[in-house]
PDB file of all heavy atoms in Angstrom:
ATOM      1  N   PHE A   1     136.482 150.925  84.034  1.00  0.00           N
ATOM      2  CA  PHE A   1     136.392 152.009  85.015  1.00  0.00           C
ATOM      3  C   PHE A   1     137.447 151.830  86.110  1.00  0.00           C
ATOM      4  O   PHE A   1     138.144 152.780  86.490  1.00  0.00           O
ATOM      5  CB  PHE A   1     134.981 152.050  85.610  1.00  0.00           C
ATOM      6  CG  PHE A   1     134.848 152.916  86.821  1.00  0.00           C
ATOM      7  CD1 PHE A   1     134.864 154.297  86.708  1.00  0.00           C
ATOM      8  CD2 PHE A   1     134.685 152.350  88.074  1.00  0.00           C
ATOM      9  CE1 PHE A   1     134.729 155.098  87.837  1.00  0.00           C
ATOM     10  CE2 PHE A   1     134.551 153.144  89.207  1.00  0.00           C
ATOM     11  CZ  PHE A   1     134.573 154.516  89.080  1.00  0.00           C
ATOM     12  N   ALA A   2     137.575 150.615  86.633  1.00  0.00           N
ATOM     13  CA  ALA A   2     138.534 150.354  87.711  1.00  0.00           C
ATOM     14  C   ALA A   2     139.974 150.593  87.244  1.00  0.00           C
ATOM     15  O   ALA A   2     140.755 151.260  87.933  1.00  0.00           O
ATOM     16  CB  ALA A   2     138.363 148.925  88.230  1.00  0.00           C
ATOM     17  N   LEU A   3     140.334 150.059  86.081  1.00  0.00           N
ATOM     18  CA  LEU A   3     141.711 150.206  85.611  1.00  0.00           C
ATOM     19  C   LEU A   3     142.039 151.650  85.245  1.00  0.00           C
ATOM     20  O   LEU A   3     143.143 152.121  85.527  1.00  0.00           O
ATOM     21  CB  LEU A   3     141.976 149.271  84.441  1.00  0.00           C
ATOM     22  CG  LEU A   3     141.961 147.791  84.828  1.00  0.00           C
ATOM     23  CD1 LEU A   3     142.205 146.918  83.608  1.00  0.00           C
ATOM     24  CD2 LEU A   3     142.993 147.492  85.901  1.00  0.00           C
ATOM     25  N   GLU A   4     141.097 152.363  84.643  1.00  0.00           N
ATOM     26  CA  GLU A   4     141.329 153.779  84.344  1.00  0.00           C
ATOM     27  C   GLU A   4     141.520 154.582  85.630  1.00  0.00           C
ATOM     28  O   GLU A   4     142.372 155.467  85.699  1.00  0.00           O
ATOM     29  CB  GLU A   4     140.173 154.349  83.525  1.00  0.00           C
ATOM     30  CG  GLU A   4     140.168 153.856  82.094  1.00  0.00           C
ATOM     31  CD  GLU A   4     138.942 154.300  81.301  1.00  0.00           C
ATOM     32  OE1 GLU A   4     138.003 154.898  81.899  1.00  0.00           O
ATOM     33  OE2 GLU A   4     138.913 154.041  80.085  1.00  0.00           O
ATOM     34  N   THR A   5     140.749 154.238  86.650  1.00  0.00           N
ATOM     35  CA  THR A   5     140.882 154.920  87.941  1.00  0.00           C
ATOM     36  C   THR A   5     142.246 154.641  88.562  1.00  0.00           C
ATOM     37  O   THR A   5     142.914 155.562  89.035  1.00  0.00           O
ATOM     38  CB  THR A   5     139.744 154.486  88.888  1.00  0.00           C
ATOM     39  OG1 THR A   5     138.489 154.850  88.297  1.00  0.00           O
ATOM     40  CG2 THR A   5     139.878 155.138  90.245  1.00  0.00           C
ATOM     41  N   LEU A   6     142.670 153.386  88.551  1.00  0.00           N
ATOM     42  CA  LEU A   6     143.989 153.047  89.107  1.00  0.00           C
ATOM     43  C   LEU A   6     145.099 153.813  88.405  1.00  0.00           C
ATOM     44  O   LEU A   6     146.009 154.346  89.053  1.00  0.00           O
ATOM     45  CB  LEU A   6     144.251 151.542  88.989  1.00  0.00           C
ATOM     46  CG  LEU A   6     143.406 150.603  89.829  1.00  0.00           C
ATOM     47  CD1 LEU A   6     143.872 149.169  89.625  1.00  0.00           C
ATOM     48  CD2 LEU A   6     143.453 150.976  91.286  1.00  0.00           C
ATOM     49  N   MET A   7     145.026 153.849  87.094  1.00  0.00           N
ATOM     50  CA  MET A   7     146.055 154.557  86.332  1.00  0.00           C
ATOM     51  C   MET A   7     146.035 156.057  86.651  1.00  0.00           C
ATOM     52  O   MET A   7     147.091 156.669  86.836  1.00  0.00           O
ATOM     53  CB  MET A   7     145.875 154.326  84.831  1.00  0.00           C
ATOM     54  CG  MET A   7     146.112 152.891  84.408  1.00  0.00           C
ATOM     55  SD  MET A   7     147.769 152.289  84.798  1.00  0.00           S
ATOM     56  CE  MET A   7     148.725 153.290  83.679  1.00  0.00           C
ATOM     57  N   GLU A   8     144.856 156.636  86.717  1.00  0.00           N
ATOM     58  CA  GLU A   8     144.743 158.067  87.026  1.00  0.00           C
ATOM     59  C   GLU A   8     145.293 158.369  88.412  1.00  0.00           C
ATOM     60  O   GLU A   8     145.945 159.394  88.621  1.00  0.00           O
ATOM     61  CB  GLU A   8     143.284 158.502  86.927  1.00  0.00           C
ATOM     62  CG  GLU A   8     143.088 159.984  87.151  1.00  0.00           C
ATOM     63  CD  GLU A   8     141.638 160.386  87.010  1.00  0.00           C
ATOM     64  OE1 GLU A   8     140.957 159.889  86.090  1.00  0.00           O
ATOM     65  OE2 GLU A   8     141.180 161.198  87.835  1.00  0.00           O
ATOM     66  N   TRP A   9     145.048 157.482  89.361  1.00  0.00           N
ATOM     67  CA  TRP A   9     145.530 157.694  90.720  1.00  0.00           C
ATOM     68  C   TRP A   9     147.011 157.381  90.879  1.00  0.00           C
ATOM     69  O   TRP A   9     147.611 157.740  91.878  1.00  0.00           O
ATOM     70  CB  TRP A   9     144.739 156.832  91.693  1.00  0.00           C
ATOM     71  CG  TRP A   9     143.333 157.300  91.936  1.00  0.00           C
ATOM     72  CD1 TRP A   9     142.759 158.476  91.551  1.00  0.00           C
ATOM     73  CD2 TRP A   9     142.315 156.574  92.628  1.00  0.00           C
ATOM     74  NE1 TRP A   9     141.459 158.539  91.960  1.00  0.00           N
ATOM     75  CE2 TRP A   9     141.150 157.386  92.632  1.00  0.00           C
ATOM     76  CE3 TRP A   9     142.276 155.336  93.246  1.00  0.00           C
ATOM     77  CZ2 TRP A   9     139.966 156.979  93.233  1.00  0.00           C
ATOM     78  CZ3 TRP A   9     141.088 154.937  93.834  1.00  0.00           C
ATOM     79  CH2 TRP A   9     139.948 155.746  93.831  1.00  0.00           C
ATOM     80  N   GLY A  10     147.590 156.669  89.923  1.00  0.00           N
ATOM     81  CA  GLY A  10     149.011 156.344  89.997  1.00  0.00           C
ATOM     82  C   GLY A  10     149.334 154.975  90.556  1.00  0.00           C
ATOM     83  O   GLY A  10     150.501 154.661  90.796  1.00  0.00           O
ATOM     84  N   TYR A  11     148.330 154.142  90.759  1.00  0.00           N
ATOM     85  CA  TYR A  11     148.600 152.763  91.192  1.00  0.00           C
ATOM     86  C   TYR A  11     149.083 151.983  89.979  1.00  0.00           C
ATOM     87  O   TYR A  11     148.393 151.893  88.970  1.00  0.00           O
ATOM     88  CB  TYR A  11     147.335 152.101  91.756  1.00  0.00           C
ATOM     89  CG  TYR A  11     146.954 152.564  93.135  1.00  0.00           C
ATOM     90  CD1 TYR A  11     145.911 153.456  93.323  1.00  0.00           C
ATOM     91  CD2 TYR A  11     147.641 152.106  94.261  1.00  0.00           C
ATOM     92  CE1 TYR A  11     145.543 153.876  94.586  1.00  0.00           C
ATOM     93  CE2 TYR A  11     147.281 152.519  95.528  1.00  0.00           C
ATOM     94  CZ  TYR A  11     146.227 153.405  95.692  1.00  0.00           C
ATOM     95  OH  TYR A  11     145.876 153.824  96.939  1.00  0.00           O
ATOM     96  N   ARG A  12     150.247 151.401  90.079  1.00  0.00           N
ATOM     97  CA  ARG A  12     150.846 150.675  88.953  1.00  0.00           C
ATOM     98  C   ARG A  12     150.984 149.183  89.225  1.00  0.00           C
ATOM     99  O   ARG A  12     151.535 148.454  88.421  1.00  0.00           O
ATOM    100  CB  ARG A  12     152.240 151.246  88.643  1.00  0.00           C
ATOM    101  CG  ARG A  12     152.277 152.734  88.441  1.00  0.00           C
ATOM    102  CD  ARG A  12     151.834 153.089  87.033  1.00  0.00           C
ATOM    103  NE  ARG A  12     151.937 154.524  86.817  1.00  0.00           N
ATOM    104  CZ  ARG A  12     150.900 155.304  86.529  1.00  0.00           C
ATOM    105  NH1 ARG A  12     149.713 154.785  86.415  1.00  0.00           N
ATOM    106  NH2 ARG A  12     151.053 156.590  86.361  1.00  0.00           N
ATOM    107  N   ASP A  13     150.478 148.728  90.340  1.00  0.00           N
ATOM    108  CA  ASP A  13     150.693 147.365  90.808  1.00  0.00           C
ATOM    109  C   ASP A  13     149.377 146.587  90.826  1.00  0.00           C
ATOM    110  O   ASP A  13     148.310 147.170  91.009  1.00  0.00           O
ATOM    111  CB  ASP A  13     151.270 147.443  92.228  1.00  0.00           C
ATOM    112  CG  ASP A  13     151.715 146.117  92.781  1.00  0.00           C
ATOM    113  OD1 ASP A  13     152.190 145.278  92.001  1.00  0.00           O
ATOM    114  OD2 ASP A  13     151.606 145.922  93.997  1.00  0.00           O
ATOM    115  N   ARG A  14     149.432 145.294  90.592  1.00  0.00           N
ATOM    116  CA  ARG A  14     148.335 144.347  90.784  1.00  0.00           C
ATOM    117  C   ARG A  14     147.110 144.610  89.914  1.00  0.00           C
ATOM    118  O   ARG A  14     145.977 144.312  90.303  1.00  0.00           O
ATOM    119  CB  ARG A  14     147.939 144.279  92.256  1.00  0.00           C
ATOM    120  CG  ARG A  14     149.073 143.804  93.150  1.00  0.00           C
ATOM    121  CD  ARG A  14     148.642 143.533  94.547  1.00  0.00           C
ATOM    122  NE  ARG A  14     147.814 142.325  94.593  1.00  0.00           N
ATOM    123  CZ  ARG A  14     147.250 141.875  95.708  1.00  0.00           C
ATOM    124  NH1 ARG A  14     147.411 142.505  96.843  1.00  0.00           N
ATOM    125  NH2 ARG A  14     146.514 140.784  95.684  1.00  0.00           N
ATOM    126  N   HIS A  15     147.315 145.149  88.727  1.00  0.00           N
ATOM    127  CA  HIS A  15     146.177 145.428  87.843  1.00  0.00           C
ATOM    128  C   HIS A  15     145.398 144.172  87.490  1.00  0.00           C
ATOM    129  O   HIS A  15     144.169 144.208  87.433  1.00  0.00           O
ATOM    130  CB  HIS A  15     146.653 146.135  86.578  1.00  0.00           C
ATOM    131  CG  HIS A  15     147.020 147.567  86.809  1.00  0.00           C
ATOM    132  ND1 HIS A  15     147.201 148.450  85.787  1.00  0.00           N
ATOM    133  CD2 HIS A  15     147.242 148.281  87.951  1.00  0.00           C
ATOM    134  CE1 HIS A  15     147.512 149.632  86.280  1.00  0.00           C
ATOM    135  NE2 HIS A  15     147.550 149.552  87.585  1.00  0.00           N
ATOM    136  N   ASP A  16     146.093 143.065  87.245  1.00  0.00           N
ATOM    137  CA  ASP A  16     145.380 141.826  86.897  1.00  0.00           C
ATOM    138  C   ASP A  16     144.533 141.333  88.066  1.00  0.00           C
ATOM    139  O   ASP A  16     143.411 140.857  87.870  1.00  0.00           O
ATOM    140  CB  ASP A  16     146.356 140.737  86.458  1.00  0.00           C
ATOM    141  CG  ASP A  16     146.978 141.019  85.106  1.00  0.00           C
ATOM    142  OD1 ASP A  16     146.391 141.804  84.322  1.00  0.00           O
ATOM    143  OD2 ASP A  16     148.058 140.476  84.825  1.00  0.00           O
ATOM    144  N   ASP A  17     145.058 141.455  89.285  1.00  0.00           N
ATOM    145  CA  ASP A  17     144.299 141.037  90.469  1.00  0.00           C
ATOM    146  C   ASP A  17     143.052 141.906  90.649  1.00  0.00           C
ATOM    147  O   ASP A  17     141.967 141.394  90.930  1.00  0.00           O
ATOM    148  CB  ASP A  17     145.163 141.121  91.727  1.00  0.00           C
ATOM    149  CG  ASP A  17     146.316 140.130  91.717  1.00  0.00           C
ATOM    150  OD1 ASP A  17     146.315 139.209  90.874  1.00  0.00           O
ATOM    151  OD2 ASP A  17     147.224 140.287  92.556  1.00  0.00           O
ATOM    152  N   VAL A  18     143.219 143.222  90.489  1.00  0.00           N
ATOM    153  CA  VAL A  18     142.081 144.130  90.624  1.00  0.00           C
ATOM    154  C   VAL A  18     141.057 143.837  89.538  1.00  0.00           C
ATOM    155  O   VAL A  18     139.849 143.755  89.808  1.00  0.00           O
ATOM    156  CB  VAL A  18     142.541 145.604  90.572  1.00  0.00           C
ATOM    157  CG1 VAL A  18     141.343 146.543  90.518  1.00  0.00           C
ATOM    158  CG2 VAL A  18     143.438 145.929  91.761  1.00  0.00           C
ATOM    159  N   ARG A  19     141.509 143.650  88.311  1.00  0.00           N
ATOM    160  CA  ARG A  19     140.616 143.365  87.190  1.00  0.00           C
ATOM    161  C   ARG A  19     139.791 142.106  87.474  1.00  0.00           C
ATOM    162  O   ARG A  19     138.570 142.091  87.255  1.00  0.00           O
ATOM    163  CB  ARG A  19     141.422 143.188  85.900  1.00  0.00           C
ATOM    164  CG  ARG A  19     140.558 142.891  84.685  1.00  0.00           C
ATOM    165  CD  ARG A  19     141.376 142.613  83.435  1.00  0.00           C
ATOM    166  NE  ARG A  19     142.153 143.761  83.027  1.00  0.00           N
ATOM    167  CZ  ARG A  19     143.495 143.772  82.923  1.00  0.00           C
ATOM    168  NH1 ARG A  19     144.193 142.693  83.168  1.00  0.00           N
ATOM    169  NH2 ARG A  19     144.116 144.851  82.532  1.00  0.00           N
ATOM    170  N   LEU A  20     140.425 141.056  87.960  1.00  0.00           N
ATOM    171  CA  LEU A  20     139.707 139.813  88.235  1.00  0.00           C
ATOM    172  C   LEU A  20     138.727 139.985  89.390  1.00  0.00           C
ATOM    173  O   LEU A  20     137.579 139.514  89.315  1.00  0.00           O
ATOM    174  CB  LEU A  20     140.686 138.679  88.527  1.00  0.00           C
ATOM    175  CG  LEU A  20     140.063 137.305  88.718  1.00  0.00           C
ATOM    176  CD1 LEU A  20     139.265 136.891  87.490  1.00  0.00           C
ATOM    177  CD2 LEU A  20     141.122 136.275  89.007  1.00  0.00           C
ATOM    178  N   CYS A  21     139.124 140.669  90.455  1.00  0.00           N
ATOM    179  CA  CYS A  21     138.209 140.887  91.584  1.00  0.00           C
ATOM    180  C   CYS A  21     136.993 141.699  91.151  1.00  0.00           C
ATOM    181  O   CYS A  21     135.858 141.347  91.483  1.00  0.00           O
ATOM    182  CB  CYS A  21     138.941 141.580  92.729  1.00  0.00           C
ATOM    183  SG  CYS A  21     140.104 140.510  93.613  1.00  0.00           S
ATOM    184  N   VAL A  22     137.217 142.772  90.400  1.00  0.00           N
ATOM    185  CA  VAL A  22     136.100 143.585  89.905  1.00  0.00           C
ATOM    186  C   VAL A  22     135.196 142.737  89.020  1.00  0.00           C
ATOM    187  O   VAL A  22     133.964 142.769  89.145  1.00  0.00           O
ATOM    188  CB  VAL A  22     136.610 144.833  89.152  1.00  0.00           C
ATOM    189  CG1 VAL A  22     135.483 145.503  88.358  1.00  0.00           C
ATOM    190  CG2 VAL A  22     137.246 145.814  90.117  1.00  0.00           C
ATOM    191  N   SER A  23     135.780 141.960  88.144  1.00  0.00           N
ATOM    192  CA  SER A  23     135.003 141.137  87.230  1.00  0.00           C
ATOM    193  C   SER A  23     134.125 140.143  87.985  1.00  0.00           C
ATOM    194  O   SER A  23     132.929 140.003  87.689  1.00  0.00           O
ATOM    195  CB  SER A  23     135.953 140.400  86.286  1.00  0.00           C
ATOM    196  OG  SER A  23     135.240 139.785  85.256  1.00  0.00           O
ATOM    197  N   GLU A  24     134.689 139.465  88.957  1.00  0.00           N
ATOM    198  CA  GLU A  24     133.929 138.458  89.706  1.00  0.00           C
ATOM    199  C   GLU A  24     132.850 139.099  90.568  1.00  0.00           C
ATOM    200  O   GLU A  24     131.715 138.604  90.609  1.00  0.00           O
ATOM    201  CB  GLU A  24     134.868 137.611  90.565  1.00  0.00           C
ATOM    202  CG  GLU A  24     135.809 136.738  89.778  1.00  0.00           C
ATOM    203  CD  GLU A  24     135.101 135.737  88.873  1.00  0.00           C
ATOM    204  OE1 GLU A  24     133.943 135.351  89.160  1.00  0.00           O
ATOM    205  OE2 GLU A  24     135.699 135.326  87.863  1.00  0.00           O
ATOM    206  N   LEU A  25     133.159 140.192  91.255  1.00  0.00           N
ATOM    207  CA  LEU A  25     132.170 140.834  92.113  1.00  0.00           C
ATOM    208  C   LEU A  25     131.048 141.461  91.287  1.00  0.00           C
ATOM    209  O   LEU A  25     129.871 141.379  91.665  1.00  0.00           O
ATOM    210  CB  LEU A  25     132.835 141.866  93.018  1.00  0.00           C
ATOM    211  CG  LEU A  25     133.850 141.312  94.027  1.00  0.00           C
ATOM    212  CD1 LEU A  25     134.433 142.447  94.863  1.00  0.00           C
ATOM    213  CD2 LEU A  25     133.254 140.236  94.907  1.00  0.00           C
ATOM    214  N   ALA A  26     131.395 142.075  90.164  1.00  0.00           N
ATOM    215  CA  ALA A  26     130.368 142.662  89.295  1.00  0.00           C
ATOM    216  C   ALA A  26     129.489 141.575  88.673  1.00  0.00           C
ATOM    217  O   ALA A  26     128.265 141.733  88.581  1.00  0.00           O
ATOM    218  CB  ALA A  26     131.027 143.509  88.203  1.00  0.00           C
ATOM    219  N   THR A  27     130.096 140.470  88.259  1.00  0.00           N
ATOM    220  CA  THR A  27     129.322 139.365  87.691  1.00  0.00           C
ATOM    221  C   THR A  27     128.354 138.796  88.723  1.00  0.00           C
ATOM    222  O   THR A  27     127.187 138.527  88.404  1.00  0.00           O
ATOM    223  CB  THR A  27     130.258 138.259  87.173  1.00  0.00           C
ATOM    224  OG1 THR A  27     131.075 138.803  86.128  1.00  0.00           O
ATOM    225  CG2 THR A  27     129.482 137.071  86.652  1.00  0.00           C
ATOM    226  N   ASN A  28     128.806 138.639  89.959  1.00  0.00           N
ATOM    227  CA  ASN A  28     127.903 138.139  90.998  1.00  0.00           C
ATOM    228  C   ASN A  28     126.750 139.102  91.244  1.00  0.00           C
ATOM    229  O   ASN A  28     125.603 138.671  91.428  1.00  0.00           O
ATOM    230  CB  ASN A  28     128.672 137.899  92.303  1.00  0.00           C
ATOM    231  CG  ASN A  28     129.443 136.600  92.270  1.00  0.00           C
ATOM    232  OD1 ASN A  28     129.306 135.800  91.356  1.00  0.00           O
ATOM    233  ND2 ASN A  28     130.279 136.390  93.274  1.00  0.00           N
ATOM    234  N   ALA A  29     127.039 140.415  91.252  1.00  0.00           N
ATOM    235  CA  ALA A  29     125.960 141.395  91.434  1.00  0.00           C
ATOM    236  C   ALA A  29     124.973 141.317  90.282  1.00  0.00           C
ATOM    237  O   ALA A  29     123.753 141.385  90.489  1.00  0.00           O
ATOM    238  CB  ALA A  29     126.546 142.804  91.548  1.00  0.00           C
ATOM    239  N   LEU A  30     125.490 141.141  89.095  1.00  0.00           N
ATOM    240  CA  LEU A  30     124.645 141.060  87.904  1.00  0.00           C
ATOM    241  C   LEU A  30     123.763 139.804  87.931  1.00  0.00           C
ATOM    242  O   LEU A  30     122.565 139.860  87.680  1.00  0.00           O
ATOM    243  CB  LEU A  30     125.530 141.059  86.654  1.00  0.00           C
ATOM    244  CG  LEU A  30     124.853 140.859  85.319  1.00  0.00           C
ATOM    245  CD1 LEU A  30     124.098 142.117  84.926  1.00  0.00           C
ATOM    246  CD2 LEU A  30     125.889 140.530  84.257  1.00  0.00           C
ATOM    247  N   LEU A  31     124.355 138.673  88.246  1.00  0.00           N
ATOM    248  CA  LEU A  31     123.635 137.398  88.186  1.00  0.00           C
ATOM    249  C   LEU A  31     122.782 137.104  89.423  1.00  0.00           C
ATOM    250  O   LEU A  31     121.732 136.469  89.315  1.00  0.00           O
ATOM    251  CB  LEU A  31     124.619 136.248  87.985  1.00  0.00           C
ATOM    252  CG  LEU A  31     125.394 136.228  86.674  1.00  0.00           C
ATOM    253  CD1 LEU A  31     126.384 135.066  86.667  1.00  0.00           C
ATOM    254  CD2 LEU A  31     124.445 136.145  85.494  1.00  0.00           C
ATOM    255  N   HIS A  32     123.258 137.538  90.586  1.00  0.00           N
ATOM    256  CA  HIS A  32     122.608 137.109  91.829  1.00  0.00           C
ATOM    257  C   HIS A  32     122.132 138.250  92.716  1.00  0.00           C
ATOM    258  O   HIS A  32     121.374 138.007  93.655  1.00  0.00           O
ATOM    259  CB  HIS A  32     123.561 136.247  92.656  1.00  0.00           C
ATOM    260  CG  HIS A  32     124.177 135.122  91.910  1.00  0.00           C
ATOM    261  ND1 HIS A  32     123.443 134.052  91.444  1.00  0.00           N
ATOM    262  CD2 HIS A  32     125.456 134.903  91.522  1.00  0.00           C
ATOM    263  CE1 HIS A  32     124.257 133.212  90.811  1.00  0.00           C
ATOM    264  NE2 HIS A  32     125.469 133.709  90.835  1.00  0.00           N
ATOM    265  N   GLY A  33     122.587 139.476  92.465  1.00  0.00           N
ATOM    266  CA  GLY A  33     122.303 140.556  93.406  1.00  0.00           C
ATOM    267  C   GLY A  33     121.302 141.577  92.933  1.00  0.00           C
ATOM    268  O   GLY A  33     120.254 141.755  93.549  1.00  0.00           O
ATOM    269  N   ALA A  34     121.624 142.260  91.863  1.00  0.00           N
ATOM    270  CA  ALA A  34     120.766 143.356  91.404  1.00  0.00           C
ATOM    271  C   ALA A  34     119.481 142.793  90.801  1.00  0.00           C
ATOM    272  O   ALA A  34     119.523 142.026  89.850  1.00  0.00           O
ATOM    273  CB  ALA A  34     121.502 144.206  90.373  1.00  0.00           C
ATOM    274  N   PRO A  35     118.330 143.183  91.339  1.00  0.00           N
ATOM    275  CA  PRO A  35     117.068 142.727  90.765  1.00  0.00           C
ATOM    276  C   PRO A  35     116.866 143.309  89.358  1.00  0.00           C
ATOM    277  O   PRO A  35     117.467 144.333  89.019  1.00  0.00           O
ATOM    278  CB  PRO A  35     116.013 143.284  91.735  1.00  0.00           C
ATOM    279  CG  PRO A  35     116.754 143.557  93.003  1.00  0.00           C
ATOM    280  CD  PRO A  35     118.132 143.939  92.574  1.00  0.00           C
ATOM    281  N   PRO A  36     116.036 142.676  88.541  1.00  0.00           N
ATOM    282  CA  PRO A  36     115.761 143.212  87.200  1.00  0.00           C
ATOM    283  C   PRO A  36     115.342 144.681  87.255  1.00  0.00           C
ATOM    284  O   PRO A  36     114.570 145.081  88.120  1.00  0.00           O
ATOM    285  CB  PRO A  36     114.631 142.316  86.683  1.00  0.00           C
ATOM    286  CG  PRO A  36     114.826 141.023  87.422  1.00  0.00           C
ATOM    287  CD  PRO A  36     115.318 141.427  88.792  1.00  0.00           C
ATOM    288  N   GLY A  37     115.898 145.461  86.341  1.00  0.00           N
ATOM    289  CA  GLY A  37     115.586 146.878  86.278  1.00  0.00           C
ATOM    290  C   GLY A  37     116.381 147.744  87.236  1.00  0.00           C
ATOM    291  O   GLY A  37     116.235 148.954  87.238  1.00  0.00           O
ATOM    292  N   ARG A  38     117.215 147.129  88.062  1.00  0.00           N
ATOM    293  CA  ARG A  38     118.008 147.882  89.040  1.00  0.00           C
ATOM    294  C   ARG A  38     119.464 147.941  88.591  1.00  0.00           C
ATOM    295  O   ARG A  38     119.857 147.330  87.607  1.00  0.00           O
ATOM    296  CB  ARG A  38     117.929 147.217  90.425  1.00  0.00           C
ATOM    297  CG  ARG A  38     116.541 147.062  90.990  1.00  0.00           C
ATOM    298  CD  ARG A  38     115.811 148.382  91.253  1.00  0.00           C
ATOM    299  NE  ARG A  38     116.448 149.236  92.209  1.00  0.00           N
ATOM    300  CZ  ARG A  38     116.148 149.306  93.497  1.00  0.00           C
ATOM    301  NH1 ARG A  38     115.199 148.544  93.989  1.00  0.00           N
ATOM    302  NH2 ARG A  38     116.775 150.130  94.299  1.00  0.00           N
ATOM    303  N   GLU A  39     120.265 148.660  89.341  1.00  0.00           N
ATOM    304  CA  GLU A  39     121.687 148.823  89.040  1.00  0.00           C
ATOM    305  C   GLU A  39     122.521 148.250  90.179  1.00  0.00           C
ATOM    306  O   GLU A  39     122.004 147.931  91.248  1.00  0.00           O
ATOM    307  CB  GLU A  39     122.028 150.313  88.905  1.00  0.00           C
ATOM    308  CG  GLU A  39     121.290 151.007  87.787  1.00  0.00           C
ATOM    309  CD  GLU A  39     121.568 152.500  87.772  1.00  0.00           C
ATOM    310  OE1 GLU A  39     121.575 153.130  88.851  1.00  0.00           O
ATOM    311  OE2 GLU A  39     121.771 153.030  86.668  1.00  0.00           O
ATOM    312  N   PHE A  40     123.819 148.158  89.928  1.00  0.00           N
ATOM    313  CA  PHE A  40     124.780 147.890  91.000  1.00  0.00           C
ATOM    314  C   PHE A  40     125.834 148.983  90.917  1.00  0.00           C
ATOM    315  O   PHE A  40     125.969 149.668  89.900  1.00  0.00           O
ATOM    316  CB  PHE A  40     125.388 146.483  90.890  1.00  0.00           C
ATOM    317  CG  PHE A  40     126.281 146.263  89.703  1.00  0.00           C
ATOM    318  CD1 PHE A  40     127.644 146.529  89.769  1.00  0.00           C
ATOM    319  CD2 PHE A  40     125.760 145.781  88.513  1.00  0.00           C
ATOM    320  CE1 PHE A  40     128.472 146.318  88.674  1.00  0.00           C
ATOM    321  CE2 PHE A  40     126.576 145.568  87.409  1.00  0.00           C
ATOM    322  CZ  PHE A  40     127.939 145.834  87.493  1.00  0.00           C
TER     323      PHE A  40
END
């Protein structure tokens, strides 16, 4: 979702950095933040 959005908006820089930040923040929400049955 993040990379498709960047491409659609025309951002061509730092895709690997964005991908890693999204991955780490989403993983933390999944493992430590969102309670069972909820979303992030």
